[in-house]
N, C-alpha and C. Protein backbone atom coordinates (compact mmCIF):
# COMPACT_ATOMS: atom_id res chain seq x y z
N MET A 1 -5.15 16.50 16.52
CA MET A 1 -6.14 17.15 15.70
C MET A 1 -5.99 16.58 14.34
N ILE A 2 -4.67 16.79 13.88
CA ILE A 2 -4.12 16.52 12.59
C ILE A 2 -4.48 14.91 12.29
N LYS A 3 -4.15 14.15 13.27
CA LYS A 3 -4.22 12.68 13.03
C LYS A 3 -5.72 12.46 12.75
N SER A 4 -6.62 13.05 13.56
CA SER A 4 -8.11 12.69 13.40
C SER A 4 -8.65 13.10 12.06
N LEU A 5 -7.90 14.01 11.26
CA LEU A 5 -8.28 14.41 10.04
C LEU A 5 -7.68 13.52 8.88
N ILE A 6 -6.80 12.75 9.12
CA ILE A 6 -6.04 11.87 8.09
C ILE A 6 -7.15 11.07 7.26
N ILE A 7 -7.94 10.24 8.05
CA ILE A 7 -8.79 9.29 7.28
C ILE A 7 -9.95 10.10 6.31
N PRO A 8 -10.53 11.14 6.87
CA PRO A 8 -11.46 12.03 6.05
C PRO A 8 -10.67 12.65 5.01
N ILE A 9 -9.59 13.20 5.12
CA ILE A 9 -8.88 13.68 4.04
C ILE A 9 -8.51 12.77 2.94
N LEU A 10 -8.14 11.55 3.29
CA LEU A 10 -7.72 10.48 2.35
C LEU A 10 -9.02 9.95 1.58
N VAL A 11 -10.15 9.84 2.34
CA VAL A 11 -11.35 9.57 1.72
C VAL A 11 -11.77 10.63 0.50
N ILE A 12 -11.77 11.70 0.89
CA ILE A 12 -12.01 12.83 -0.11
C ILE A 12 -11.12 12.89 -1.34
N ILE A 13 -9.90 12.84 -1.03
CA ILE A 13 -8.72 12.73 -2.06
C ILE A 13 -8.95 11.52 -2.90
N LEU A 14 -9.05 10.29 -2.34
CA LEU A 14 -9.24 9.06 -3.22
C LEU A 14 -10.49 8.83 -3.87
N SER A 15 -11.47 9.53 -3.33
CA SER A 15 -12.83 9.60 -3.91
C SER A 15 -12.83 10.33 -5.26
N SER A 16 -12.18 11.45 -5.09
CA SER A 16 -12.06 12.43 -6.16
C SER A 16 -11.13 11.58 -7.40
N ILE A 17 -10.07 10.98 -6.92
CA ILE A 17 -9.29 10.26 -7.84
C ILE A 17 -9.98 9.21 -8.57
N PHE A 18 -10.85 8.26 -7.79
CA PHE A 18 -11.59 7.33 -8.44
C PHE A 18 -12.55 7.81 -9.37
N TYR A 19 -13.08 9.01 -9.00
CA TYR A 19 -14.31 9.47 -9.96
C TYR A 19 -13.57 9.97 -11.10
N PHE A 20 -12.37 10.57 -11.07
CA PHE A 20 -11.70 11.08 -12.30
C PHE A 20 -11.36 10.05 -13.23
N VAL A 21 -10.81 9.00 -12.62
CA VAL A 21 -10.21 7.87 -13.28
C VAL A 21 -11.52 7.17 -14.10
N ASP A 22 -12.39 7.04 -13.34
CA ASP A 22 -13.83 6.28 -14.11
C ASP A 22 -14.42 6.97 -14.93
N GLN A 23 -14.52 8.36 -14.92
CA GLN A 23 -15.01 9.06 -16.11
C GLN A 23 -14.14 9.40 -17.11
N LEU A 24 -12.86 9.70 -16.99
CA LEU A 24 -12.07 9.86 -18.13
C LEU A 24 -11.32 8.78 -18.73
N LYS A 25 -11.00 7.87 -17.71
CA LYS A 25 -10.33 6.46 -18.26
C LYS A 25 -9.36 6.74 -18.99
N PRO A 26 -8.10 7.41 -18.54
CA PRO A 26 -6.80 7.55 -19.16
C PRO A 26 -6.08 6.32 -19.50
N ASN A 27 -5.27 6.28 -20.40
CA ASN A 27 -4.62 5.20 -20.82
C ASN A 27 -3.54 4.79 -19.75
N TRP A 28 -3.91 4.12 -18.79
CA TRP A 28 -3.00 3.79 -17.74
C TRP A 28 -1.88 2.73 -18.19
N ILE A 29 -0.67 2.66 -17.56
CA ILE A 29 0.34 1.92 -17.94
C ILE A 29 -0.29 0.51 -17.57
N GLY A 30 -0.14 -0.37 -18.46
CA GLY A 30 -0.77 -1.77 -18.18
C GLY A 30 -0.63 -2.63 -19.62
N ILE A 31 -0.99 -3.90 -19.31
CA ILE A 31 -0.71 -4.83 -20.57
C ILE A 31 -2.08 -5.08 -21.30
N ASN A 32 -3.19 -5.04 -20.44
CA ASN A 32 -4.48 -5.13 -21.15
C ASN A 32 -5.31 -4.01 -20.72
N PRO A 33 -6.45 -3.57 -21.48
CA PRO A 33 -7.17 -2.33 -21.02
C PRO A 33 -8.00 -2.76 -19.75
N TYR A 34 -8.34 -1.98 -18.93
CA TYR A 34 -9.03 -2.35 -17.74
C TYR A 34 -10.63 -1.92 -17.99
N PRO A 35 -11.53 -2.80 -17.44
CA PRO A 35 -13.09 -2.60 -17.71
C PRO A 35 -13.48 -1.36 -16.99
N LYS A 36 -14.45 -0.83 -17.65
CA LYS A 36 -15.08 0.34 -17.03
C LYS A 36 -16.28 0.11 -16.04
N ILE A 37 -16.21 0.66 -14.98
CA ILE A 37 -17.23 0.46 -13.84
C ILE A 37 -18.57 0.86 -14.40
N ASN A 38 -19.58 -0.04 -14.25
CA ASN A 38 -20.84 0.43 -14.66
C ASN A 38 -21.25 1.72 -14.22
N SER A 39 -21.82 2.69 -15.02
CA SER A 39 -22.31 4.07 -14.52
C SER A 39 -23.30 3.93 -13.46
N GLY A 40 -23.23 5.06 -12.58
CA GLY A 40 -24.36 5.10 -11.67
C GLY A 40 -24.06 4.27 -10.38
N PHE A 41 -24.81 3.39 -9.78
CA PHE A 41 -24.75 2.82 -8.52
C PHE A 41 -23.47 1.90 -8.42
N GLY A 42 -23.05 1.28 -9.56
CA GLY A 42 -21.97 0.43 -9.45
C GLY A 42 -20.70 0.97 -9.21
N PHE A 43 -20.59 2.43 -9.49
CA PHE A 43 -19.37 3.26 -9.21
C PHE A 43 -19.33 3.47 -7.85
N TYR A 44 -20.41 3.55 -7.16
CA TYR A 44 -20.27 3.97 -5.78
C TYR A 44 -20.23 2.85 -4.92
N ILE A 45 -20.65 1.58 -5.33
CA ILE A 45 -20.27 0.32 -4.77
C ILE A 45 -18.76 0.03 -4.76
N GLU A 46 -18.15 0.20 -5.74
CA GLU A 46 -16.66 -0.04 -6.12
C GLU A 46 -16.03 1.01 -5.19
N THR A 47 -16.44 2.33 -5.19
CA THR A 47 -15.81 3.22 -4.53
C THR A 47 -15.75 2.94 -2.96
N VAL A 48 -16.92 2.48 -2.51
CA VAL A 48 -17.14 2.19 -1.16
C VAL A 48 -16.15 1.04 -0.71
N PHE A 49 -16.08 0.05 -1.63
CA PHE A 49 -15.34 -1.13 -1.42
C PHE A 49 -13.80 -0.79 -1.26
N PHE A 50 -13.39 0.08 -2.26
CA PHE A 50 -12.03 0.42 -2.24
C PHE A 50 -11.51 1.17 -0.93
N LEU A 51 -12.31 2.24 -0.59
CA LEU A 51 -12.15 3.15 0.53
C LEU A 51 -12.25 2.34 1.71
N GLY A 52 -13.19 1.40 1.84
CA GLY A 52 -13.23 0.45 3.01
C GLY A 52 -12.04 -0.25 3.20
N GLY A 53 -11.40 -0.69 2.06
CA GLY A 53 -10.20 -1.64 2.21
C GLY A 53 -9.01 -0.56 2.68
N ILE A 54 -8.89 0.61 2.06
CA ILE A 54 -7.97 1.42 2.55
C ILE A 54 -8.00 1.84 4.12
N ILE A 55 -9.27 2.21 4.41
CA ILE A 55 -9.31 2.61 5.74
C ILE A 55 -9.09 1.30 6.60
N SER A 56 -9.55 0.15 6.28
CA SER A 56 -9.17 -1.14 7.04
C SER A 56 -7.79 -1.35 7.24
N LEU A 57 -6.96 -1.14 5.96
CA LEU A 57 -5.54 -1.22 6.17
C LEU A 57 -4.97 -0.24 7.13
N ILE A 58 -5.34 0.97 6.94
CA ILE A 58 -4.83 1.89 7.95
C ILE A 58 -5.06 1.53 9.51
N LEU A 59 -6.17 1.12 9.69
CA LEU A 59 -6.63 0.60 11.11
C LEU A 59 -5.60 -0.57 11.49
N ILE A 60 -5.63 -1.42 10.69
CA ILE A 60 -4.73 -2.53 10.90
C ILE A 60 -3.22 -2.18 11.07
N ALA A 61 -2.63 -1.05 10.32
CA ALA A 61 -1.41 -0.64 10.51
C ALA A 61 -1.27 0.10 11.94
N GLU A 62 -2.33 0.77 12.28
CA GLU A 62 -2.30 1.49 13.63
C GLU A 62 -2.16 0.27 14.84
N GLY A 63 -2.91 -0.66 14.51
CA GLY A 63 -2.86 -1.77 15.58
C GLY A 63 -1.47 -2.42 15.52
N ILE A 64 -0.83 -2.57 14.18
CA ILE A 64 0.55 -3.43 14.48
C ILE A 64 1.54 -2.28 15.04
N ILE A 65 1.57 -0.94 14.65
CA ILE A 65 2.26 0.02 15.20
C ILE A 65 2.25 0.10 16.68
N SER A 66 1.11 0.02 17.19
CA SER A 66 0.81 -0.04 18.70
C SER A 66 1.45 -1.11 19.20
N ILE A 67 1.31 -2.36 18.60
CA ILE A 67 1.96 -3.55 19.19
C ILE A 67 3.52 -3.50 19.28
N VAL A 68 4.01 -3.12 17.97
CA VAL A 68 5.38 -3.02 17.94
C VAL A 68 6.02 -1.96 18.86
N ASN A 69 5.33 -0.95 19.10
CA ASN A 69 5.75 0.18 20.06
C ASN A 69 5.80 -0.39 21.51
N ARG A 70 4.45 -1.06 21.88
CA ARG A 70 4.50 -1.50 23.17
C ARG A 70 5.15 -2.57 23.61
N LYS A 71 5.52 -3.54 22.68
CA LYS A 71 6.17 -4.64 23.13
C LYS A 71 7.68 -4.59 22.78
N GLN A 72 7.97 -3.51 22.01
CA GLN A 72 9.44 -3.37 21.64
C GLN A 72 9.76 -4.53 20.82
N ILE A 73 9.04 -4.82 19.91
CA ILE A 73 9.41 -6.16 18.97
C ILE A 73 10.76 -5.81 18.30
N HIS A 74 10.86 -4.58 17.69
CA HIS A 74 11.95 -4.20 16.92
C HIS A 74 12.28 -2.73 17.09
N ASP A 75 13.56 -2.46 16.88
CA ASP A 75 14.16 -1.11 17.02
C ASP A 75 13.74 -0.41 15.65
N VAL A 76 12.66 0.37 15.55
CA VAL A 76 12.21 0.91 14.35
C VAL A 76 13.22 1.77 13.76
N SER A 77 14.17 2.33 14.57
CA SER A 77 15.03 3.42 14.26
C SER A 77 16.06 2.76 13.13
N SER A 78 16.05 1.34 13.13
CA SER A 78 16.91 0.81 12.28
C SER A 78 16.35 0.44 10.78
N LEU A 79 15.05 0.80 10.65
CA LEU A 79 14.40 0.58 9.36
C LEU A 79 15.09 1.47 8.30
N SER A 80 15.19 1.03 7.19
CA SER A 80 15.93 1.79 6.21
C SER A 80 15.13 3.04 5.92
N PHE A 81 13.79 3.08 5.63
CA PHE A 81 13.08 4.25 5.33
C PHE A 81 13.12 5.21 6.44
N ILE A 82 12.94 4.69 7.84
CA ILE A 82 12.82 5.64 8.99
C ILE A 82 14.33 6.38 9.00
N ILE A 83 15.37 5.69 8.70
CA ILE A 83 16.60 6.37 8.45
C ILE A 83 16.72 7.53 7.41
N THR A 84 16.08 7.17 6.35
CA THR A 84 15.83 8.18 5.29
C THR A 84 15.08 9.40 5.63
N ILE A 85 14.06 8.99 6.31
CA ILE A 85 13.14 10.25 7.02
C ILE A 85 13.96 11.25 7.78
N ARG A 86 14.64 10.42 8.77
CA ARG A 86 15.34 11.31 9.77
C ARG A 86 16.66 12.13 9.31
N ARG A 87 17.15 11.50 7.94
CA ARG A 87 18.31 12.12 7.55
C ARG A 87 17.79 13.31 6.50
N MET A 88 16.43 13.17 6.28
CA MET A 88 15.88 13.90 5.17
C MET A 88 16.67 13.87 3.85
N ASP A 89 16.90 12.74 3.38
CA ASP A 89 17.41 12.36 2.01
C ASP A 89 16.48 12.47 0.96
N ARG A 90 16.38 13.86 0.57
CA ARG A 90 15.26 14.07 -0.39
C ARG A 90 15.31 13.31 -1.83
N TYR A 91 16.52 12.80 -2.06
CA TYR A 91 16.53 12.00 -3.41
C TYR A 91 15.95 10.67 -3.26
N SER A 92 16.34 10.03 -1.99
CA SER A 92 15.68 8.86 -1.64
C SER A 92 14.21 8.95 -1.59
N LEU A 93 13.84 9.99 -0.64
CA LEU A 93 12.34 10.23 -0.53
C LEU A 93 11.44 10.42 -1.76
N PHE A 94 12.03 11.27 -2.55
CA PHE A 94 11.14 11.72 -3.55
C PHE A 94 11.43 11.16 -4.91
N VAL A 95 12.51 10.35 -4.98
CA VAL A 95 13.00 9.68 -6.36
C VAL A 95 13.06 8.22 -6.20
N THR A 96 13.81 7.73 -5.33
CA THR A 96 14.25 6.28 -5.32
C THR A 96 12.95 5.48 -4.76
N TYR A 97 12.43 6.05 -3.55
CA TYR A 97 11.25 5.43 -2.90
C TYR A 97 10.15 5.27 -3.75
N PRO A 98 9.62 6.39 -4.50
CA PRO A 98 8.39 6.19 -5.29
C PRO A 98 8.65 5.50 -6.31
N LEU A 99 9.88 5.36 -6.98
CA LEU A 99 10.16 4.53 -8.15
C LEU A 99 10.28 3.29 -7.99
N THR A 100 10.86 2.93 -6.79
CA THR A 100 10.78 1.40 -6.21
C THR A 100 9.43 1.01 -6.12
N LEU A 101 8.49 1.64 -5.55
CA LEU A 101 7.04 1.08 -5.34
C LEU A 101 6.39 1.11 -6.81
N LEU A 102 6.74 1.93 -7.58
CA LEU A 102 6.27 1.78 -9.05
C LEU A 102 6.70 0.58 -9.77
N CYS A 103 7.93 0.20 -9.54
CA CYS A 103 8.49 -1.02 -10.07
C CYS A 103 7.85 -2.22 -9.61
N GLU A 104 7.70 -2.15 -8.27
CA GLU A 104 6.83 -3.45 -7.72
C GLU A 104 5.54 -3.41 -8.40
N GLU A 105 4.80 -2.32 -8.58
CA GLU A 105 3.59 -2.38 -8.99
C GLU A 105 3.45 -2.94 -10.47
N LEU A 106 4.42 -2.23 -11.24
CA LEU A 106 4.66 -2.86 -12.59
C LEU A 106 4.88 -4.42 -12.63
N LEU A 107 5.54 -4.98 -11.71
CA LEU A 107 5.90 -6.32 -11.78
C LEU A 107 4.78 -7.16 -11.17
N PHE A 108 4.17 -6.84 -9.99
CA PHE A 108 3.23 -7.44 -9.22
C PHE A 108 1.82 -7.45 -9.84
N ARG A 109 1.39 -6.04 -10.07
CA ARG A 109 0.06 -5.97 -10.46
C ARG A 109 -0.05 -5.88 -12.08
N GLY A 110 1.27 -5.55 -12.70
CA GLY A 110 1.34 -5.55 -14.14
C GLY A 110 1.61 -7.05 -14.68
N VAL A 111 2.82 -7.46 -14.58
CA VAL A 111 3.17 -8.71 -15.36
C VAL A 111 2.50 -9.93 -14.53
N ILE A 112 2.91 -10.00 -13.21
CA ILE A 112 2.49 -11.21 -12.52
C ILE A 112 0.87 -11.26 -12.44
N PHE A 113 0.19 -10.28 -12.11
CA PHE A 113 -1.16 -10.20 -12.08
C PHE A 113 -2.05 -10.57 -13.39
N ASN A 114 -1.40 -9.92 -14.49
CA ASN A 114 -1.80 -10.09 -15.88
C ASN A 114 -1.70 -11.51 -16.38
N LEU A 115 -0.63 -12.20 -15.99
CA LEU A 115 -0.37 -13.49 -16.42
C LEU A 115 -1.22 -14.45 -15.73
N LEU A 116 -1.65 -14.16 -14.47
CA LEU A 116 -2.43 -15.07 -13.60
C LEU A 116 -3.90 -14.85 -14.18
N PHE A 117 -4.22 -13.45 -14.53
CA PHE A 117 -5.61 -13.13 -15.07
C PHE A 117 -5.87 -13.78 -16.16
N GLU A 118 -4.91 -14.02 -17.22
CA GLU A 118 -5.26 -14.51 -18.40
C GLU A 118 -5.24 -16.20 -18.35
N SER A 119 -4.83 -16.60 -17.25
CA SER A 119 -4.75 -18.12 -17.08
C SER A 119 -5.64 -18.80 -16.27
N THR A 120 -6.22 -17.86 -15.20
CA THR A 120 -7.19 -18.42 -14.19
C THR A 120 -8.15 -17.42 -13.92
N SER A 121 -9.08 -17.63 -12.93
CA SER A 121 -10.15 -16.73 -12.54
C SER A 121 -9.63 -15.66 -11.83
N ILE A 122 -10.61 -14.55 -11.97
CA ILE A 122 -10.27 -13.13 -11.29
C ILE A 122 -9.69 -13.35 -9.70
N PHE A 123 -10.53 -14.32 -8.96
CA PHE A 123 -10.45 -14.59 -7.60
C PHE A 123 -8.95 -15.06 -7.55
N ASN A 124 -8.63 -16.09 -8.17
CA ASN A 124 -7.20 -16.77 -8.08
C ASN A 124 -6.30 -15.92 -8.39
N ALA A 125 -6.41 -15.02 -9.43
CA ALA A 125 -5.41 -13.96 -9.95
C ALA A 125 -5.18 -13.14 -8.82
N ILE A 126 -6.21 -12.53 -8.19
CA ILE A 126 -5.96 -11.68 -7.01
C ILE A 126 -5.33 -12.13 -5.90
N PHE A 127 -5.77 -13.54 -5.57
CA PHE A 127 -5.37 -14.14 -4.29
C PHE A 127 -3.82 -14.60 -4.51
N LEU A 128 -3.49 -15.29 -5.59
CA LEU A 128 -2.17 -15.76 -5.87
C LEU A 128 -1.26 -14.58 -6.05
N SER A 129 -1.56 -13.47 -6.66
CA SER A 129 -0.63 -12.36 -6.90
C SER A 129 -0.30 -11.72 -5.62
N ALA A 130 -1.34 -11.71 -4.68
CA ALA A 130 -1.17 -11.05 -3.29
C ALA A 130 -0.23 -11.91 -2.32
N GLY A 131 -0.51 -13.33 -2.66
CA GLY A 131 0.40 -14.28 -1.97
C GLY A 131 2.03 -14.12 -2.29
N ILE A 132 2.07 -14.07 -3.63
CA ILE A 132 3.56 -13.82 -4.11
C ILE A 132 3.98 -12.44 -3.75
N PHE A 133 3.28 -11.49 -3.77
CA PHE A 133 3.65 -10.17 -3.31
C PHE A 133 4.16 -10.16 -1.64
N GLY A 134 3.33 -10.92 -1.01
CA GLY A 134 3.50 -11.06 0.55
C GLY A 134 4.89 -11.83 0.58
N LEU A 135 4.99 -12.94 -0.03
CA LEU A 135 6.33 -13.67 0.03
C LEU A 135 7.52 -13.00 -0.50
N TYR A 136 7.33 -12.07 -1.28
CA TYR A 136 8.54 -11.27 -1.96
C TYR A 136 9.05 -10.55 -0.77
N HIS A 137 8.27 -10.09 0.28
CA HIS A 137 8.72 -9.40 1.43
C HIS A 137 9.64 -10.32 2.47
N ILE A 138 9.89 -11.64 1.93
CA ILE A 138 10.69 -12.34 2.84
C ILE A 138 12.21 -11.83 2.95
N HIS A 139 12.50 -10.98 2.16
CA HIS A 139 13.91 -10.13 2.13
C HIS A 139 13.98 -9.37 3.28
N ILE A 140 12.88 -9.04 3.99
CA ILE A 140 13.10 -8.26 5.18
C ILE A 140 13.82 -9.24 6.28
N LEU A 141 13.59 -10.54 6.26
CA LEU A 141 14.34 -11.29 7.09
C LEU A 141 15.85 -11.19 7.11
N ILE A 142 16.35 -11.23 5.86
CA ILE A 142 17.78 -11.09 5.45
C ILE A 142 18.26 -9.70 5.94
N ALA A 143 17.48 -8.56 5.74
CA ALA A 143 17.90 -7.19 6.21
C ALA A 143 17.90 -6.98 7.62
N TYR A 144 17.09 -7.34 8.41
CA TYR A 144 16.85 -7.30 9.88
C TYR A 144 16.89 -8.48 10.71
N ARG A 145 16.89 -9.71 10.15
CA ARG A 145 17.12 -10.87 10.97
C ARG A 145 16.11 -10.90 12.17
N ASN A 146 14.85 -10.46 11.98
CA ASN A 146 13.80 -10.48 12.95
C ASN A 146 12.64 -11.18 12.23
N PRO A 147 12.34 -12.42 12.67
CA PRO A 147 11.24 -13.42 12.02
C PRO A 147 9.78 -12.63 12.38
N VAL A 148 9.71 -11.91 13.50
CA VAL A 148 8.38 -11.43 13.74
C VAL A 148 8.05 -10.24 12.90
N ILE A 149 8.94 -9.41 12.71
CA ILE A 149 8.77 -8.16 11.94
C ILE A 149 8.72 -8.73 10.49
N THR A 150 9.40 -9.78 10.00
CA THR A 150 9.27 -10.23 8.69
C THR A 150 7.87 -10.87 8.40
N LEU A 151 7.37 -11.63 9.44
CA LEU A 151 5.91 -11.98 9.47
C LEU A 151 4.95 -10.98 9.31
N VAL A 152 5.07 -9.91 10.02
CA VAL A 152 4.17 -8.72 9.87
C VAL A 152 4.29 -8.01 8.47
N TYR A 153 5.57 -8.01 8.10
CA TYR A 153 5.69 -7.33 6.53
C TYR A 153 4.99 -8.30 5.62
N ILE A 154 5.14 -9.46 5.69
CA ILE A 154 4.43 -10.53 4.77
C ILE A 154 2.89 -10.50 4.72
N ILE A 155 2.42 -10.52 6.16
CA ILE A 155 0.87 -10.45 6.31
C ILE A 155 0.33 -9.30 5.68
N TYR A 156 0.93 -8.15 6.18
CA TYR A 156 0.45 -6.90 5.67
C TYR A 156 0.54 -6.57 4.26
N SER A 157 1.80 -7.12 3.51
CA SER A 157 1.85 -7.09 2.20
C SER A 157 0.75 -7.84 1.51
N PHE A 158 0.40 -9.07 2.05
CA PHE A 158 -0.59 -9.80 1.37
C PHE A 158 -1.86 -9.18 1.32
N LEU A 159 -2.32 -8.55 2.41
CA LEU A 159 -3.59 -7.87 2.66
C LEU A 159 -3.61 -6.72 1.65
N LEU A 160 -2.44 -5.96 1.54
CA LEU A 160 -2.35 -4.91 0.50
C LEU A 160 -2.40 -5.35 -0.83
N GLY A 161 -1.79 -6.46 -1.09
CA GLY A 161 -1.90 -7.09 -2.37
C GLY A 161 -3.42 -7.52 -2.86
N LEU A 162 -4.16 -8.00 -1.90
CA LEU A 162 -5.59 -8.25 -1.98
C LEU A 162 -6.42 -7.08 -2.58
N LEU A 163 -6.17 -5.97 -1.83
CA LEU A 163 -6.79 -4.80 -2.42
C LEU A 163 -6.49 -4.14 -3.58
N LEU A 164 -4.95 -4.36 -3.85
CA LEU A 164 -4.47 -3.75 -5.11
C LEU A 164 -4.78 -4.37 -6.31
N GLY A 165 -4.98 -5.76 -5.98
CA GLY A 165 -5.65 -6.65 -7.12
C GLY A 165 -6.90 -6.43 -7.56
N ARG A 166 -7.63 -5.78 -6.72
CA ARG A 166 -9.01 -5.40 -6.98
C ARG A 166 -9.01 -4.06 -7.81
N VAL A 167 -8.12 -3.30 -7.21
CA VAL A 167 -8.05 -1.82 -7.88
C VAL A 167 -7.33 -1.82 -9.25
N VAL A 168 -6.50 -2.65 -9.48
CA VAL A 168 -5.84 -2.71 -10.63
C VAL A 168 -6.90 -3.01 -11.88
N LEU A 169 -7.78 -3.74 -11.42
CA LEU A 169 -8.93 -4.22 -12.25
C LEU A 169 -9.65 -3.10 -13.01
N TYR A 170 -9.91 -1.87 -12.20
CA TYR A 170 -10.72 -0.87 -12.53
C TYR A 170 -9.99 0.42 -12.69
N PHE A 171 -8.80 0.49 -12.06
CA PHE A 171 -8.20 1.87 -12.04
C PHE A 171 -6.78 1.78 -12.62
N GLY A 172 -6.20 0.75 -12.83
CA GLY A 172 -5.00 0.46 -13.27
C GLY A 172 -3.72 0.50 -12.42
N ILE A 173 -2.65 0.42 -12.89
CA ILE A 173 -1.41 0.22 -12.03
C ILE A 173 -1.07 1.58 -11.51
N LEU A 174 -1.32 2.48 -12.05
CA LEU A 174 -0.81 4.05 -11.58
C LEU A 174 -1.69 4.23 -10.18
N ALA A 175 -2.92 3.81 -10.22
CA ALA A 175 -3.85 4.01 -8.90
C ALA A 175 -3.35 3.02 -7.94
N CYS A 176 -2.94 1.81 -8.29
CA CYS A 176 -2.23 0.91 -7.27
C CYS A 176 -0.93 1.65 -6.75
N TRP A 177 -0.24 2.15 -7.54
CA TRP A 177 1.01 2.91 -7.05
C TRP A 177 0.69 4.04 -6.04
N ALA A 178 -0.27 4.80 -6.37
CA ALA A 178 -0.68 5.92 -5.57
C ALA A 178 -1.07 5.39 -4.10
N ILE A 179 -2.08 4.43 -4.13
CA ILE A 179 -2.44 3.63 -2.81
C ILE A 179 -1.31 3.22 -2.12
N HIS A 180 -0.52 2.53 -2.85
CA HIS A 180 0.63 1.75 -2.14
C HIS A 180 1.60 2.77 -1.44
N LEU A 181 1.82 3.95 -2.34
CA LEU A 181 2.73 5.02 -1.87
C LEU A 181 2.07 5.72 -0.63
N ILE A 182 0.92 5.88 -0.58
CA ILE A 182 0.17 6.72 0.50
C ILE A 182 0.20 5.88 1.75
N LEU A 183 -0.24 4.42 1.61
CA LEU A 183 -0.42 3.66 2.86
C LEU A 183 1.05 3.30 3.52
N ILE A 184 1.96 3.15 2.66
CA ILE A 184 3.24 2.61 3.30
C ILE A 184 4.10 3.94 3.90
N SER A 185 3.85 5.08 3.12
CA SER A 185 4.42 6.27 3.71
C SER A 185 3.63 6.63 5.00
N TYR A 186 2.24 6.39 5.11
CA TYR A 186 1.68 6.88 6.37
C TYR A 186 2.22 5.84 7.54
N VAL A 187 2.50 4.60 7.28
CA VAL A 187 2.94 3.63 8.19
C VAL A 187 4.41 4.20 8.84
N TYR A 188 5.25 4.39 7.95
CA TYR A 188 6.56 4.93 8.23
C TYR A 188 6.75 6.25 8.85
N ILE A 189 5.86 7.10 8.47
CA ILE A 189 5.61 8.44 9.14
C ILE A 189 5.14 8.34 10.50
N ARG A 190 4.09 7.56 10.79
CA ARG A 190 3.56 7.20 12.05
C ARG A 190 4.72 6.63 13.01
N LEU A 191 5.56 5.53 12.45
CA LEU A 191 6.51 4.78 13.41
C LEU A 191 7.60 6.04 13.55
N ASN A 192 7.95 6.86 12.73
CA ASN A 192 8.78 7.93 12.95
C ASN A 192 8.39 8.83 14.00
N SER A 193 7.11 9.23 14.19
CA SER A 193 6.51 10.14 15.00
C SER A 193 6.49 9.56 16.40
N LEU A 194 6.28 8.13 16.36
CA LEU A 194 6.29 7.65 17.71
C LEU A 194 7.69 7.51 18.34
N LEU A 195 8.77 7.47 17.49
CA LEU A 195 10.21 7.45 17.68
C LEU A 195 10.54 8.69 18.24
N LEU A 196 10.09 9.80 17.59
CA LEU A 196 10.48 11.31 17.98
C LEU A 196 9.82 11.52 19.24
N GLY A 197 8.56 10.94 19.63
CA GLY A 197 8.02 11.23 20.75
C GLY A 197 8.59 10.55 22.01
N LYS A 198 9.28 9.22 21.78
CA LYS A 198 10.18 8.71 22.80
C LYS A 198 11.51 9.39 23.05
N GLU A 199 12.08 9.92 22.03
CA GLU A 199 13.28 10.88 22.28
C GLU A 199 12.98 12.10 22.99
N ASP A 200 11.73 12.67 22.69
CA ASP A 200 11.38 13.79 23.38
C ASP A 200 11.21 13.48 24.93
N ARG A 201 10.91 12.41 25.27
CA ARG A 201 10.56 12.06 26.62
C ARG A 201 11.69 11.76 27.43
N LYS A 202 12.86 11.54 26.79
CA LYS A 202 14.21 11.06 27.43
C LYS A 202 14.72 12.33 27.97
């Protein structure tokens, strides 16, 4: 029941956030000011695009989680964030983890995206910054010694980077951070719930 309500709830929350940001246009953290979405129909087009991207990433995540769970590609209990959830390390969950993602957004959608945006087209800036963001996750190979899991991280991060590259243009870095935080938390919480289900069946 709860799982079936996740996407509708996210749609409502994020639609409200997008509307609030577009109307009030607060001074988000960023290097250059972001353009305002055209009033009227333009706002709804962009909102549908963003929400469609978020829902697509959730569905892709569900597919990946299903494959990892079925094929036993990797012991998800060894993932650092899963360990943090299971230990209920509140400092890591509510301070270190969100700040780490914020720093990533400041680097990739702030500094790197802005440098590319000033020197090339919007399409190239989005595509190249997403590619760099994906390749940044090569560190997963060092941490877990699993090339398949590393490839999954790189591809998913690239797709996330494509979406966030568009989001940062209209809603700023803090909106990217919120979406990044929601999506990645969703993935790890789902993985942990599957792990708990396995343990209950033993």
